[in-house]
Amino acid sequence: MRVLHIGKFYPPFAGGIEHFLADLLPALNRQGVIAAALVHDEQPRRGGQQPLPGDHPPVYRAPCYGRLLYAPVSPAFPFWLNRVIREFQPDLLHLHLPNTSAFWAWMVPAARRLPWVVHWHADVVASAIDRRMALAYRLYRPFEQRLLAASQAIIATSPPYLEASAALAPWRARCHIVPLGLDPARIADPGPAARERAEAGWGRTSAFRILAIGRLTYYKGHDILIRAAAALPDTRVLIVGTGEHRDRLAALIQSLNLNGRVHLPGFQPEADLNALLACCDVLCLPSLERTEAFGLVLLEAMRFGKPVVVSDIPGSGPGWVVSQADHGVPVPPGDP
């Protein structure tokens, strides 16, 4: 069987869904499923099938001209979808949602002729934090529901998320729960050089080390972690990632006089990220809304035997992940 995955981005873009997809494609190939992916390129002037190491499955990238409310803007995506279907000749489309570009499957005749599986990574949440999302979802929902109606099967990532999802409620009969996984070989034990860089990043401190990893965006709750750090004097906090809230978080750190204990080191290569995980005392996932649907980074921390503290968001997956693994503490969201 030949399966074409439609996603948002792909590594080196840093994100949980992106890392999951990069682990999934080779795993499918090892099981005899010939897989490929069509995603967005972060560079508008690029595009195409860019080489990846070894015998990695093909990844095609359509040019992207920025984002509108967190959604990639890629006018050429339908042309790329048609081209990749013609070149790769898939038997099945595997659509990873949320992703507005997946809606082009309705407009491309070659895509409409194929069966679809929808991988439901998260609802588009009508956010109480970013109220633009509520208006945007009114426009998004009809396309989303039409896509779900045409799907052959829907994959949800945890029981509580499926149970709480209003978007999936009409389609429960075709939903299947398959929790996310990762390739343990990717989460490799760091070498001496990476450990040395991690120790430098932690300031070679003996203080309790709290690590958070994720996009610096509205629903991640990093401001809650920073405020909690103010009440925990013998701690050092690293919040790894990039995003539109970086300046806001930096200003909060400054206002609370935490510059010596809370740091925003930005993007980190995977080897350095693994080393930071290996050298921390605990991983914290302080997200506030159901946009945080699973928390793949929790599995990455557990790979190193690290305990995790997660926001137990009602109707979402992170608290369930921790309870299933019995390897952490769920806490009420939004409470420093």
C-alpha atoms as a PDB file:
ATOM      1  CA  MET A   1       0.000   0.000   0.000  1.00  0.00           C
ATOM      2  CA  ARG A   2       1.135   3.537  -0.800  1.00  0.00           C
ATOM      3  CA  VAL A   3       0.069   6.277   1.643  1.00  0.00           C
ATOM      4  CA  LEU A   4       0.486  10.022   1.164  1.00  0.00           C
ATOM      5  CA  HIS A   5       0.428  12.033   4.397  1.00  0.00           C
ATOM      6  CA  ILE A   6      -0.729  15.661   4.291  1.00  0.00           C
ATOM      7  CA  GLY A   7       0.712  17.700   7.166  1.00  0.00           C
ATOM      8  CA  LYS A   8       1.566  21.243   8.152  1.00  0.00           C
ATOM      9  CA  PHE A   9       5.345  21.140   8.478  1.00  0.00           C
ATOM     10  CA  TYR A  10       8.187  18.658   8.851  1.00  0.00           C
ATOM     11  CA  PRO A  11      11.556  18.749  10.637  1.00  0.00           C
ATOM     12  CA  PRO A  12      13.752  20.700  10.937  1.00  0.00           C
ATOM     13  CA  PHE A  13      10.612  22.673  11.866  1.00  0.00           C
ATOM     14  CA  ALA A  14      10.222  21.994  15.593  1.00  0.00           C
ATOM     15  CA  GLY A  15       6.875  20.717  16.810  1.00  0.00           C
ATOM     16  CA  GLY A  16       5.262  17.646  18.323  1.00  0.00           C
ATOM     17  CA  ILE A  17       3.165  16.726  15.277  1.00  0.00           C
ATOM     18  CA  GLU A  18       6.155  17.304  13.015  1.00  0.00           C
ATOM     19  CA  HIS A  19       8.372  14.982  15.059  1.00  0.00           C
ATOM     20  CA  PHE A  20       5.585  12.400  15.189  1.00  0.00           C
ATOM     21  CA  LEU A  21       5.226  12.467  11.402  1.00  0.00           C
ATOM     22  CA  ALA A  22       8.993  12.172  10.947  1.00  0.00           C
ATOM     23  CA  ASP A  23       8.993   9.075  13.180  1.00  0.00           C
ATOM     24  CA  LEU A  24       5.857   7.619  11.582  1.00  0.00           C
ATOM     25  CA  LEU A  25       6.936   7.575   7.944  1.00  0.00           C
ATOM     26  CA  PRO A  26      10.047   5.372   8.380  1.00  0.00           C
ATOM     27  CA  ALA A  27       8.118   3.133  10.800  1.00  0.00           C
ATOM     28  CA  LEU A  28       5.453   2.578   8.143  1.00  0.00           C
ATOM     29  CA  ASN A  29       8.110   1.754   5.576  1.00  0.00           C
ATOM     30  CA  ARG A  30       9.561  -0.859   7.904  1.00  0.00           C
ATOM     31  CA  GLN A  31       6.100  -2.450   8.045  1.00  0.00           C
ATOM     32  CA  GLY A  32       5.865  -2.624   4.268  1.00  0.00           C
ATOM     33  CA  VAL A  33       3.750   0.517   3.793  1.00  0.00           C
ATOM     34  CA  ILE A  34       5.309   2.872   1.246  1.00  0.00           C
ATOM     35  CA  ALA A  35       4.817   6.349   2.712  1.00  0.00           C
ATOM     36  CA  ALA A  36       5.454   9.920   1.635  1.00  0.00           C
ATOM     37  CA  ALA A  37       4.411  13.349   2.923  1.00  0.00           C
ATOM     38  CA  LEU A  38       3.342  16.690   1.480  1.00  0.00           C
ATOM     39  CA  VAL A  39       3.862  19.574   3.892  1.00  0.00           C
ATOM     40  CA  HIS A  40       4.618  23.308   3.782  1.00  0.00           C
ATOM     41  CA  ASP A  41       8.052  24.788   3.312  1.00  0.00           C
ATOM     42  CA  GLU A  42       8.859  27.673   5.625  1.00  0.00           C
ATOM     43  CA  GLN A  43      10.563  29.452   2.713  1.00  0.00           C
ATOM     44  CA  PRO A  44       8.184  30.945   0.098  1.00  0.00           C
ATOM     45  CA  ARG A  45      10.681  30.731  -2.757  1.00  0.00           C
ATOM     46  CA  ARG A  46      11.472  27.077  -2.248  1.00  0.00           C
ATOM     47  CA  GLY A  47       9.407  23.964  -2.682  1.00  0.00           C
ATOM     48  CA  GLY A  48       9.959  20.524  -4.062  1.00  0.00           C
ATOM     49  CA  GLN A  49      11.254  17.204  -2.826  1.00  0.00           C
ATOM     50  CA  GLN A  50      14.272  18.108  -0.741  1.00  0.00           C
ATOM     51  CA  PRO A  51      16.840  15.393   0.013  1.00  0.00           C
ATOM     52  CA  LEU A  52      16.772  13.702   3.415  1.00  0.00           C
ATOM     53  CA  PRO A  53      19.418  11.414   4.896  1.00  0.00           C
ATOM     54  CA  GLY A  54      19.615   7.706   4.135  1.00  0.00           C
ATOM     55  CA  ASP A  55      16.569   5.932   2.753  1.00  0.00           C
ATOM     56  CA  HIS A  56      14.099   8.335   4.396  1.00  0.00           C
ATOM     57  CA  PRO A  57      10.673   8.359   2.722  1.00  0.00           C
ATOM     58  CA  PRO A  58      10.112  11.243   0.283  1.00  0.00           C
ATOM     59  CA  VAL A  59       8.895  14.541   1.723  1.00  0.00           C
ATOM     60  CA  TYR A  60       7.507  17.170  -0.656  1.00  0.00           C
ATOM     61  CA  ARG A  61       7.253  20.781   0.493  1.00  0.00           C
ATOM     62  CA  ALA A  62       4.863  23.366  -0.959  1.00  0.00           C
ATOM     63  CA  PRO A  63       5.926  27.035  -0.689  1.00  0.00           C
ATOM     64  CA  CYS A  64       4.400  28.887   2.268  1.00  0.00           C
ATOM     65  CA  TYR A  65       3.947  32.678   2.419  1.00  0.00           C
ATOM     66  CA  GLY A  66       3.451  33.111   6.137  1.00  0.00           C
ATOM     67  CA  ARG A  67       0.596  32.256   8.472  1.00  0.00           C
ATOM     68  CA  LEU A  68      -2.858  33.585   9.121  1.00  0.00           C
ATOM     69  CA  LEU A  69      -4.047  32.822  12.649  1.00  0.00           C
ATOM     70  CA  TYR A  70      -1.461  30.034  12.973  1.00  0.00           C
ATOM     71  CA  ALA A  71      -2.524  28.455   9.640  1.00  0.00           C
ATOM     72  CA  PRO A  72       0.012  28.231   6.786  1.00  0.00           C
ATOM     73  CA  VAL A  73      -0.791  30.374   3.740  1.00  0.00           C
ATOM     74  CA  SER A  74       0.070  28.345   0.645  1.00  0.00           C
ATOM     75  CA  PRO A  75      -1.868  29.318  -2.508  1.00  0.00           C
ATOM     76  CA  ALA A  76       0.075  26.773  -4.563  1.00  0.00           C
ATOM     77  CA  PHE A  77      -0.815  23.832  -2.286  1.00  0.00           C
ATOM     78  CA  PRO A  78      -3.536  22.374  -4.578  1.00  0.00           C
ATOM     79  CA  PHE A  79      -1.100  22.335  -7.489  1.00  0.00           C
ATOM     80  CA  TRP A  80       1.478  20.542  -5.338  1.00  0.00           C
ATOM     81  CA  LEU A  81      -1.145  18.087  -4.123  1.00  0.00           C
ATOM     82  CA  ASN A  82      -2.120  17.242  -7.688  1.00  0.00           C
ATOM     83  CA  ARG A  83       1.537  16.930  -8.718  1.00  0.00           C
ATOM     84  CA  VAL A  84       2.515  14.689  -5.801  1.00  0.00           C
ATOM     85  CA  ILE A  85      -0.491  12.411  -6.314  1.00  0.00           C
ATOM     86  CA  ARG A  86       0.496  12.074  -9.962  1.00  0.00           C
ATOM     87  CA  GLU A  87       4.143  11.320  -9.112  1.00  0.00           C
ATOM     88  CA  PHE A  88       3.711   9.167  -5.994  1.00  0.00           C
ATOM     89  CA  GLN A  89       0.505   7.345  -7.029  1.00  0.00           C
ATOM     90  CA  PRO A  90      -0.886   6.796  -3.492  1.00  0.00           C
ATOM     91  CA  ASP A  91      -3.645   4.356  -2.628  1.00  0.00           C
ATOM     92  CA  LEU A  92      -4.713   6.414   0.399  1.00  0.00           C
ATOM     93  CA  LEU A  93      -4.536   9.998   1.701  1.00  0.00           C
ATOM     94  CA  HIS A  94      -3.748  10.399   5.413  1.00  0.00           C
ATOM     95  CA  LEU A  95      -4.786  13.928   6.427  1.00  0.00           C
ATOM     96  CA  HIS A  96      -3.314  15.363   9.633  1.00  0.00           C
ATOM     97  CA  LEU A  97      -5.652  17.979  11.145  1.00  0.00           C
ATOM     98  CA  PRO A  98      -5.947  20.799  12.033  1.00  0.00           C
ATOM     99  CA  ASN A  99      -4.571  22.047   8.724  1.00  0.00           C
ATOM    100  CA  THR A 100      -6.459  24.351   6.370  1.00  0.00           C
ATOM    101  CA  SER A 101      -4.424  23.128   3.392  1.00  0.00           C
ATOM    102  CA  ALA A 102      -5.925  19.654   3.846  1.00  0.00           C
ATOM    103  CA  PHE A 103      -9.233  21.138   2.663  1.00  0.00           C
ATOM    104  CA  TRP A 104      -7.769  21.370  -0.830  1.00  0.00           C
ATOM    105  CA  ALA A 105      -8.365  17.625  -1.070  1.00  0.00           C
ATOM    106  CA  TRP A 106     -11.963  18.564  -1.877  1.00  0.00           C
ATOM    107  CA  MET A 107     -10.876  20.743  -4.789  1.00  0.00           C
ATOM    108  CA  VAL A 108      -8.405  18.395  -6.468  1.00  0.00           C
ATOM    109  CA  PRO A 109     -10.142  15.662  -8.515  1.00  0.00           C
ATOM    110  CA  ALA A 110      -7.207  13.263  -8.124  1.00  0.00           C
ATOM    111  CA  ALA A 111      -7.521  13.575  -4.323  1.00  0.00           C
ATOM    112  CA  ARG A 112     -11.299  13.123  -4.324  1.00  0.00           C
ATOM    113  CA  ARG A 113     -10.894   9.790  -6.080  1.00  0.00           C
ATOM    114  CA  LEU A 114      -8.826   8.404  -3.177  1.00  0.00           C
ATOM    115  CA  PRO A 115     -10.009   7.156   0.232  1.00  0.00           C
ATOM    116  CA  TRP A 116      -9.083   9.425   3.172  1.00  0.00           C
ATOM    117  CA  VAL A 117      -8.076   8.773   6.757  1.00  0.00           C
ATOM    118  CA  VAL A 118      -8.170  11.794   9.074  1.00  0.00           C
ATOM    119  CA  HIS A 119      -5.647  11.942  11.929  1.00  0.00           C
ATOM    120  CA  TRP A 120      -7.273  14.205  14.520  1.00  0.00           C
ATOM    121  CA  HIS A 121      -4.436  15.820  16.455  1.00  0.00           C
ATOM    122  CA  ALA A 122      -6.556  18.563  18.047  1.00  0.00           C
ATOM    123  CA  ASP A 123      -9.808  20.477  17.845  1.00  0.00           C
ATOM    124  CA  VAL A 124      -9.672  24.061  16.645  1.00  0.00           C
ATOM    125  CA  VAL A 125     -10.488  25.440  20.078  1.00  0.00           C
ATOM    126  CA  ALA A 126     -12.608  28.590  20.410  1.00  0.00           C
ATOM    127  CA  SER A 127      -9.986  30.023  22.742  1.00  0.00           C
ATOM    128  CA  ALA A 128     -10.738  32.153  25.783  1.00  0.00           C
ATOM    129  CA  ILE A 129      -7.163  33.459  25.492  1.00  0.00           C
ATOM    130  CA  ASP A 130      -7.019  34.317  21.779  1.00  0.00           C
ATOM    131  CA  ARG A 131     -10.614  35.246  20.968  1.00  0.00           C
ATOM    132  CA  ARG A 132      -9.897  35.507  17.250  1.00  0.00           C
ATOM    133  CA  MET A 133      -9.992  31.712  17.176  1.00  0.00           C
ATOM    134  CA  ALA A 134     -13.723  31.642  17.968  1.00  0.00           C
ATOM    135  CA  LEU A 135     -14.517  33.722  14.889  1.00  0.00           C
ATOM    136  CA  ALA A 136     -12.052  31.789  12.754  1.00  0.00           C
ATOM    137  CA  TYR A 137     -13.645  28.479  13.728  1.00  0.00           C
ATOM    138  CA  ARG A 138     -17.025  29.609  12.397  1.00  0.00           C
ATOM    139  CA  LEU A 139     -15.400  29.832   8.976  1.00  0.00           C
ATOM    140  CA  TYR A 140     -13.305  26.679   9.445  1.00  0.00           C
ATOM    141  CA  ARG A 141     -15.996  24.332  10.768  1.00  0.00           C
ATOM    142  CA  PRO A 142     -18.021  23.735   7.554  1.00  0.00           C
ATOM    143  CA  PHE A 143     -14.884  22.650   5.685  1.00  0.00           C
ATOM    144  CA  GLU A 144     -13.746  20.528   8.624  1.00  0.00           C
ATOM    145  CA  GLN A 145     -17.083  18.735   8.874  1.00  0.00           C
ATOM    146  CA  ARG A 146     -17.228  18.132   5.140  1.00  0.00           C
ATOM    147  CA  LEU A 147     -13.781  16.554   5.283  1.00  0.00           C
ATOM    148  CA  LEU A 148     -14.775  14.342   8.214  1.00  0.00           C
ATOM    149  CA  ALA A 149     -17.960  13.284   6.434  1.00  0.00           C
ATOM    150  CA  ALA A 150     -15.936  12.091   3.444  1.00  0.00           C
ATOM    151  CA  SER A 151     -13.346  10.204   5.490  1.00  0.00           C
ATOM    152  CA  GLN A 152     -13.209   6.422   5.718  1.00  0.00           C
ATOM    153  CA  ALA A 153     -11.815   6.496   9.262  1.00  0.00           C
ATOM    154  CA  ILE A 154     -10.761   9.006  11.923  1.00  0.00           C
ATOM    155  CA  ILE A 155      -7.879   8.543  14.360  1.00  0.00           C
ATOM    156  CA  ALA A 156      -8.126  10.242  17.769  1.00  0.00           C
ATOM    157  CA  THR A 157      -5.173  10.211  20.142  1.00  0.00           C
ATOM    158  CA  SER A 158      -6.800   9.637  23.551  1.00  0.00           C
ATOM    159  CA  PRO A 159     -10.173   8.601  25.027  1.00  0.00           C
ATOM    160  CA  PRO A 160     -10.808  11.870  26.915  1.00  0.00           C
ATOM    161  CA  TYR A 161     -10.112  13.953  23.832  1.00  0.00           C
ATOM    162  CA  LEU A 162     -12.515  11.953  21.703  1.00  0.00           C
ATOM    163  CA  GLU A 163     -15.207  12.071  24.378  1.00  0.00           C
ATOM    164  CA  ALA A 164     -14.956  15.865  24.720  1.00  0.00           C
ATOM    165  CA  SER A 165     -14.669  16.740  21.034  1.00  0.00           C
ATOM    166  CA  ALA A 166     -17.846  18.360  19.728  1.00  0.00           C
ATOM    167  CA  ALA A 167     -16.384  18.329  16.212  1.00  0.00           C
ATOM    168  CA  LEU A 168     -15.998  14.540  16.258  1.00  0.00           C
ATOM    169  CA  ALA A 169     -19.329  13.818  17.966  1.00  0.00           C
ATOM    170  CA  PRO A 170     -21.285  13.186  14.728  1.00  0.00           C
ATOM    171  CA  TRP A 171     -18.601  10.785  13.508  1.00  0.00           C
ATOM    172  CA  ARG A 172     -17.925   8.650  16.606  1.00  0.00           C
ATOM    173  CA  ALA A 173     -18.778   5.436  14.766  1.00  0.00           C
ATOM    174  CA  ARG A 174     -15.775   5.836  12.475  1.00  0.00           C
ATOM    175  CA  CYS A 175     -13.330   7.028  15.177  1.00  0.00           C
ATOM    176  CA  HIS A 176     -10.480   4.854  16.458  1.00  0.00           C
ATOM    177  CA  ILE A 177      -8.180   5.705  19.373  1.00  0.00           C
ATOM    178  CA  VAL A 178      -4.484   5.327  18.588  1.00  0.00           C
ATOM    179  CA  PRO A 179      -2.204   7.157  21.062  1.00  0.00           C
ATOM    180  CA  LEU A 180       0.820   8.901  19.605  1.00  0.00           C
ATOM    181  CA  GLY A 181       4.201   7.217  19.791  1.00  0.00           C
ATOM    182  CA  LEU A 182       7.793   7.995  18.984  1.00  0.00           C
ATOM    183  CA  ASP A 183      10.897   6.278  17.707  1.00  0.00           C
ATOM    184  CA  PRO A 184      13.056   5.673  20.817  1.00  0.00           C
ATOM    185  CA  ALA A 185      16.147   5.663  18.612  1.00  0.00           C
ATOM    186  CA  ARG A 186      15.533   9.355  17.876  1.00  0.00           C
ATOM    187  CA  ILE A 187      15.662  10.161  21.585  1.00  0.00           C
ATOM    188  CA  ALA A 188      19.262   9.041  21.814  1.00  0.00           C
ATOM    189  CA  ASP A 189      21.490   9.321  24.861  1.00  0.00           C
ATOM    190  CA  PRO A 190      23.484  12.527  24.347  1.00  0.00           C
ATOM    191  CA  GLY A 191      27.209  12.407  23.791  1.00  0.00           C
ATOM    192  CA  PRO A 192      29.779  14.218  25.951  1.00  0.00           C
ATOM    193  CA  ALA A 193      29.814  17.364  23.800  1.00  0.00           C
ATOM    194  CA  ALA A 194      26.016  17.739  23.920  1.00  0.00           C
ATOM    195  CA  ARG A 195      25.998  17.124  27.679  1.00  0.00           C
ATOM    196  CA  GLU A 196      28.661  19.780  28.124  1.00  0.00           C
ATOM    197  CA  ARG A 197      26.533  22.295  26.193  1.00  0.00           C
ATOM    198  CA  ALA A 198      23.500  21.322  28.272  1.00  0.00           C
ATOM    199  CA  GLU A 199      25.376  21.827  31.535  1.00  0.00           C
ATOM    200  CA  ALA A 200      26.441  25.254  30.296  1.00  0.00           C
ATOM    201  CA  GLY A 201      22.812  25.991  29.436  1.00  0.00           C
ATOM    202  CA  TRP A 202      21.778  25.049  32.956  1.00  0.00           C
ATOM    203  CA  GLY A 203      24.545  27.273  34.318  1.00  0.00           C
ATOM    204  CA  ARG A 204      26.230  24.258  35.927  1.00  0.00           C
ATOM    205  CA  THR A 205      23.893  24.834  38.829  1.00  0.00           C
ATOM    206  CA  SER A 206      22.984  22.469  41.648  1.00  0.00           C
ATOM    207  CA  ALA A 207      19.538  24.087  41.855  1.00  0.00           C
ATOM    208  CA  PHE A 208      16.447  22.071  40.924  1.00  0.00           C
ATOM    209  CA  ARG A 209      16.168  22.099  37.124  1.00  0.00           C
ATOM    210  CA  ILE A 210      12.751  22.578  35.493  1.00  0.00           C
ATOM    211  CA  LEU A 211      12.513  22.225  31.717  1.00  0.00           C
ATOM    212  CA  ALA A 212       9.661  23.237  29.408  1.00  0.00           C
ATOM    213  CA  ILE A 213       9.697  22.616  25.655  1.00  0.00           C
ATOM    214  CA  GLY A 214       7.247  23.995  23.116  1.00  0.00           C
ATOM    215  CA  ARG A 215       6.210  26.886  20.940  1.00  0.00           C
ATOM    216  CA  LEU A 216       6.049  30.192  22.776  1.00  0.00           C
ATOM    217  CA  THR A 217       2.404  30.745  21.961  1.00  0.00           C
ATOM    218  CA  TYR A 218      -0.884  31.659  23.578  1.00  0.00           C
ATOM    219  CA  TYR A 219      -2.105  28.297  24.918  1.00  0.00           C
ATOM    220  CA  LYS A 220       1.174  26.904  26.280  1.00  0.00           C
ATOM    221  CA  GLY A 221       0.917  28.564  29.714  1.00  0.00           C
ATOM    222  CA  HIS A 222       4.598  29.487  29.970  1.00  0.00           C
ATOM    223  CA  ASP A 223       3.649  32.652  31.853  1.00  0.00           C
ATOM    224  CA  ILE A 224       2.153  30.422  34.566  1.00  0.00           C
ATOM    225  CA  LEU A 225       5.438  28.527  34.878  1.00  0.00           C
ATOM    226  CA  ILE A 226       7.387  31.796  35.123  1.00  0.00           C
ATOM    227  CA  ARG A 227       5.119  33.051  37.913  1.00  0.00           C
ATOM    228  CA  ALA A 228       5.504  29.718  39.705  1.00  0.00           C
ATOM    229  CA  ALA A 229       9.291  30.057  39.480  1.00  0.00           C
ATOM    230  CA  ALA A 230       9.065  33.323  41.417  1.00  0.00           C
ATOM    231  CA  ALA A 231       7.788  31.308  44.395  1.00  0.00           C
ATOM    232  CA  LEU A 232      10.481  28.607  44.071  1.00  0.00           C
ATOM    233  CA  PRO A 233      13.792  30.289  44.882  1.00  0.00           C
ATOM    234  CA  ASP A 234      16.117  27.290  44.590  1.00  0.00           C
ATOM    235  CA  THR A 235      15.189  26.464  40.988  1.00  0.00           C
ATOM    236  CA  ARG A 236      16.414  27.135  37.485  1.00  0.00           C
ATOM    237  CA  VAL A 237      13.940  27.127  34.585  1.00  0.00           C
ATOM    238  CA  LEU A 238      14.627  26.751  30.876  1.00  0.00           C
ATOM    239  CA  ILE A 239      11.755  27.318  28.428  1.00  0.00           C
ATOM    240  CA  VAL A 240      12.967  26.027  25.057  1.00  0.00           C
ATOM    241  CA  GLY A 241      11.293  27.089  21.841  1.00  0.00           C
ATOM    242  CA  THR A 242      10.421  29.972  19.572  1.00  0.00           C
ATOM    243  CA  GLY A 243       7.186  31.812  18.941  1.00  0.00           C
ATOM    244  CA  GLU A 244       5.254  35.044  18.883  1.00  0.00           C
ATOM    245  CA  HIS A 245       5.076  35.341  22.700  1.00  0.00           C
ATOM    246  CA  ARG A 246       8.825  35.413  23.281  1.00  0.00           C
ATOM    247  CA  ASP A 247       9.041  39.158  23.919  1.00  0.00           C
ATOM    248  CA  ARG A 248       6.036  39.025  26.244  1.00  0.00           C
ATOM    249  CA  LEU A 249       7.600  36.213  28.282  1.00  0.00           C
ATOM    250  CA  ALA A 250      10.968  37.983  28.390  1.00  0.00           C
ATOM    251  CA  ALA A 251       9.255  41.111  29.734  1.00  0.00           C
ATOM    252  CA  LEU A 252       7.511  39.040  32.427  1.00  0.00           C
ATOM    253  CA  ILE A 253      10.817  37.472  33.468  1.00  0.00           C
ATOM    254  CA  GLN A 254      12.334  40.949  33.709  1.00  0.00           C
ATOM    255  CA  SER A 255       9.418  42.354  35.715  1.00  0.00           C
ATOM    256  CA  LEU A 256       9.670  39.526  38.261  1.00  0.00           C
ATOM    257  CA  ASN A 257      13.473  39.908  38.565  1.00  0.00           C
ATOM    258  CA  LEU A 258      13.998  36.324  37.404  1.00  0.00           C
ATOM    259  CA  ASN A 259      16.688  36.956  34.779  1.00  0.00           C
ATOM    260  CA  GLY A 260      19.212  34.899  36.707  1.00  0.00           C
ATOM    261  CA  ARG A 261      16.949  31.859  37.084  1.00  0.00           C
ATOM    262  CA  VAL A 262      14.550  31.708  34.121  1.00  0.00           C
ATOM    263  CA  HIS A 263      15.897  31.644  30.568  1.00  0.00           C
ATOM    264  CA  LEU A 264      14.535  31.436  27.022  1.00  0.00           C
ATOM    265  CA  PRO A 265      17.318  29.791  25.011  1.00  0.00           C
ATOM    266  CA  GLY A 266      15.283  29.656  21.777  1.00  0.00           C
ATOM    267  CA  PHE A 267      15.469  26.856  19.230  1.00  0.00           C
ATOM    268  CA  GLN A 268      17.735  23.935  20.127  1.00  0.00           C
ATOM    269  CA  PRO A 269      18.958  21.190  17.772  1.00  0.00           C
ATOM    270  CA  GLU A 270      17.668  17.734  18.604  1.00  0.00           C
ATOM    271  CA  ALA A 271      20.967  16.516  20.097  1.00  0.00           C
ATOM    272  CA  ASP A 272      21.070  19.511  22.444  1.00  0.00           C
ATOM    273  CA  LEU A 273      17.393  19.130  23.293  1.00  0.00           C
ATOM    274  CA  ASN A 274      17.973  15.506  24.271  1.00  0.00           C
ATOM    275  CA  ALA A 275      20.895  16.599  26.433  1.00  0.00           C
ATOM    276  CA  LEU A 276      18.775  19.230  28.189  1.00  0.00           C
ATOM    277  CA  LEU A 277      16.177  16.533  28.884  1.00  0.00           C
ATOM    278  CA  ALA A 278      18.837  14.168  30.187  1.00  0.00           C
ATOM    279  CA  CYS A 279      20.180  16.842  32.552  1.00  0.00           C
ATOM    280  CA  CYS A 280      16.901  18.227  33.923  1.00  0.00           C
ATOM    281  CA  ASP A 281      15.124  17.177  37.118  1.00  0.00           C
ATOM    282  CA  VAL A 282      11.567  17.502  35.826  1.00  0.00           C
ATOM    283  CA  LEU A 283       9.708  18.413  32.646  1.00  0.00           C
ATOM    284  CA  CYS A 284       6.757  20.778  32.956  1.00  0.00           C
ATOM    285  CA  LEU A 285       3.910  21.091  30.430  1.00  0.00           C
ATOM    286  CA  PRO A 286       1.811  24.016  31.749  1.00  0.00           C
ATOM    287  CA  SER A 287      -0.628  24.335  28.820  1.00  0.00           C
ATOM    288  CA  LEU A 288      -3.988  25.986  29.383  1.00  0.00           C
ATOM    289  CA  GLU A 289      -6.354  24.794  26.649  1.00  0.00           C
ATOM    290  CA  ARG A 290      -7.354  21.683  24.683  1.00  0.00           C
ATOM    291  CA  THR A 291      -5.228  22.868  21.780  1.00  0.00           C
ATOM    292  CA  GLU A 292      -2.624  20.907  23.770  1.00  0.00           C
ATOM    293  CA  ALA A 293      -4.176  17.589  22.874  1.00  0.00           C
ATOM    294  CA  PHE A 294      -1.555  14.974  23.794  1.00  0.00           C
ATOM    295  CA  GLY A 295       1.924  16.285  24.625  1.00  0.00           C
ATOM    296  CA  LEU A 296       4.426  14.171  22.703  1.00  0.00           C
ATOM    297  CA  VAL A 297       7.202  15.856  24.681  1.00  0.00           C
ATOM    298  CA  LEU A 298       5.951  13.919  27.725  1.00  0.00           C
ATOM    299  CA  LEU A 299       6.997  10.669  26.036  1.00  0.00           C
ATOM    300  CA  GLU A 300      10.364  12.190  25.175  1.00  0.00           C
ATOM    301  CA  ALA A 301      10.928  13.084  28.841  1.00  0.00           C
ATOM    302  CA  MET A 302       9.838   9.624  29.964  1.00  0.00           C
ATOM    303  CA  ARG A 303      12.351   8.131  27.540  1.00  0.00           C
ATOM    304  CA  PHE A 304      15.003   9.631  29.837  1.00  0.00           C
ATOM    305  CA  GLY A 305      13.166   8.546  32.981  1.00  0.00           C
ATOM    306  CA  LYS A 306      12.250  12.112  33.930  1.00  0.00           C
ATOM    307  CA  PRO A 307       9.119  12.829  35.967  1.00  0.00           C
ATOM    308  CA  VAL A 308       6.627  15.235  34.432  1.00  0.00           C
ATOM    309  CA  VAL A 309       4.232  17.843  35.795  1.00  0.00           C
ATOM    310  CA  VAL A 310       1.317  18.550  33.451  1.00  0.00           C
ATOM    311  CA  SER A 311      -1.782  20.688  33.385  1.00  0.00           C
ATOM    312  CA  ASP A 312      -4.723  18.325  33.707  1.00  0.00           C
ATOM    313  CA  ILE A 313      -6.831  20.073  31.072  1.00  0.00           C
ATOM    314  CA  PRO A 314     -10.437  18.802  31.138  1.00  0.00           C
ATOM    315  CA  GLY A 315     -11.272  16.830  28.006  1.00  0.00           C
ATOM    316  CA  SER A 316      -7.682  16.646  26.811  1.00  0.00           C
ATOM    317  CA  GLY A 317      -4.874  14.119  26.640  1.00  0.00           C
ATOM    318  CA  PRO A 318      -1.832  15.172  28.733  1.00  0.00           C
ATOM    319  CA  GLY A 319      -3.346  14.201  32.082  1.00  0.00           C
ATOM    320  CA  TRP A 320      -4.442  10.877  30.586  1.00  0.00           C
ATOM    321  CA  VAL A 321      -0.929  10.240  29.220  1.00  0.00           C
ATOM    322  CA  VAL A 322       0.552  10.770  32.681  1.00  0.00           C
ATOM    323  CA  SER A 323      -2.062   8.579  34.372  1.00  0.00           C
ATOM    324  CA  GLN A 324      -1.477   5.754  31.885  1.00  0.00           C
ATOM    325  CA  ALA A 325       2.293   5.904  32.351  1.00  0.00           C
ATOM    326  CA  ASP A 326       2.085   6.541  36.117  1.00  0.00           C
ATOM    327  CA  HIS A 327       5.109   8.766  35.708  1.00  0.00           C
ATOM    328  CA  GLY A 328       4.169  12.261  36.783  1.00  0.00           C
ATOM    329  CA  VAL A 329       1.768  14.621  38.476  1.00  0.00           C
ATOM    330  CA  PRO A 330      -1.293  16.254  36.881  1.00  0.00           C
ATOM    331  CA  VAL A 331      -2.166  19.668  38.338  1.00  0.00           C
ATOM    332  CA  PRO A 332      -5.030  22.135  37.746  1.00  0.00           C
ATOM    333  CA  PRO A 333      -4.358  24.312  34.674  1.00  0.00           C
ATOM    334  CA  GLY A 334      -3.569  27.992  35.173  1.00  0.00           C
ATOM    335  CA  ASP A 335      -2.599  27.695  38.857  1.00  0.00           C
ATOM    336  CA  PRO A 336       1.015  28.738  39.619  1.00  0.00           C
END
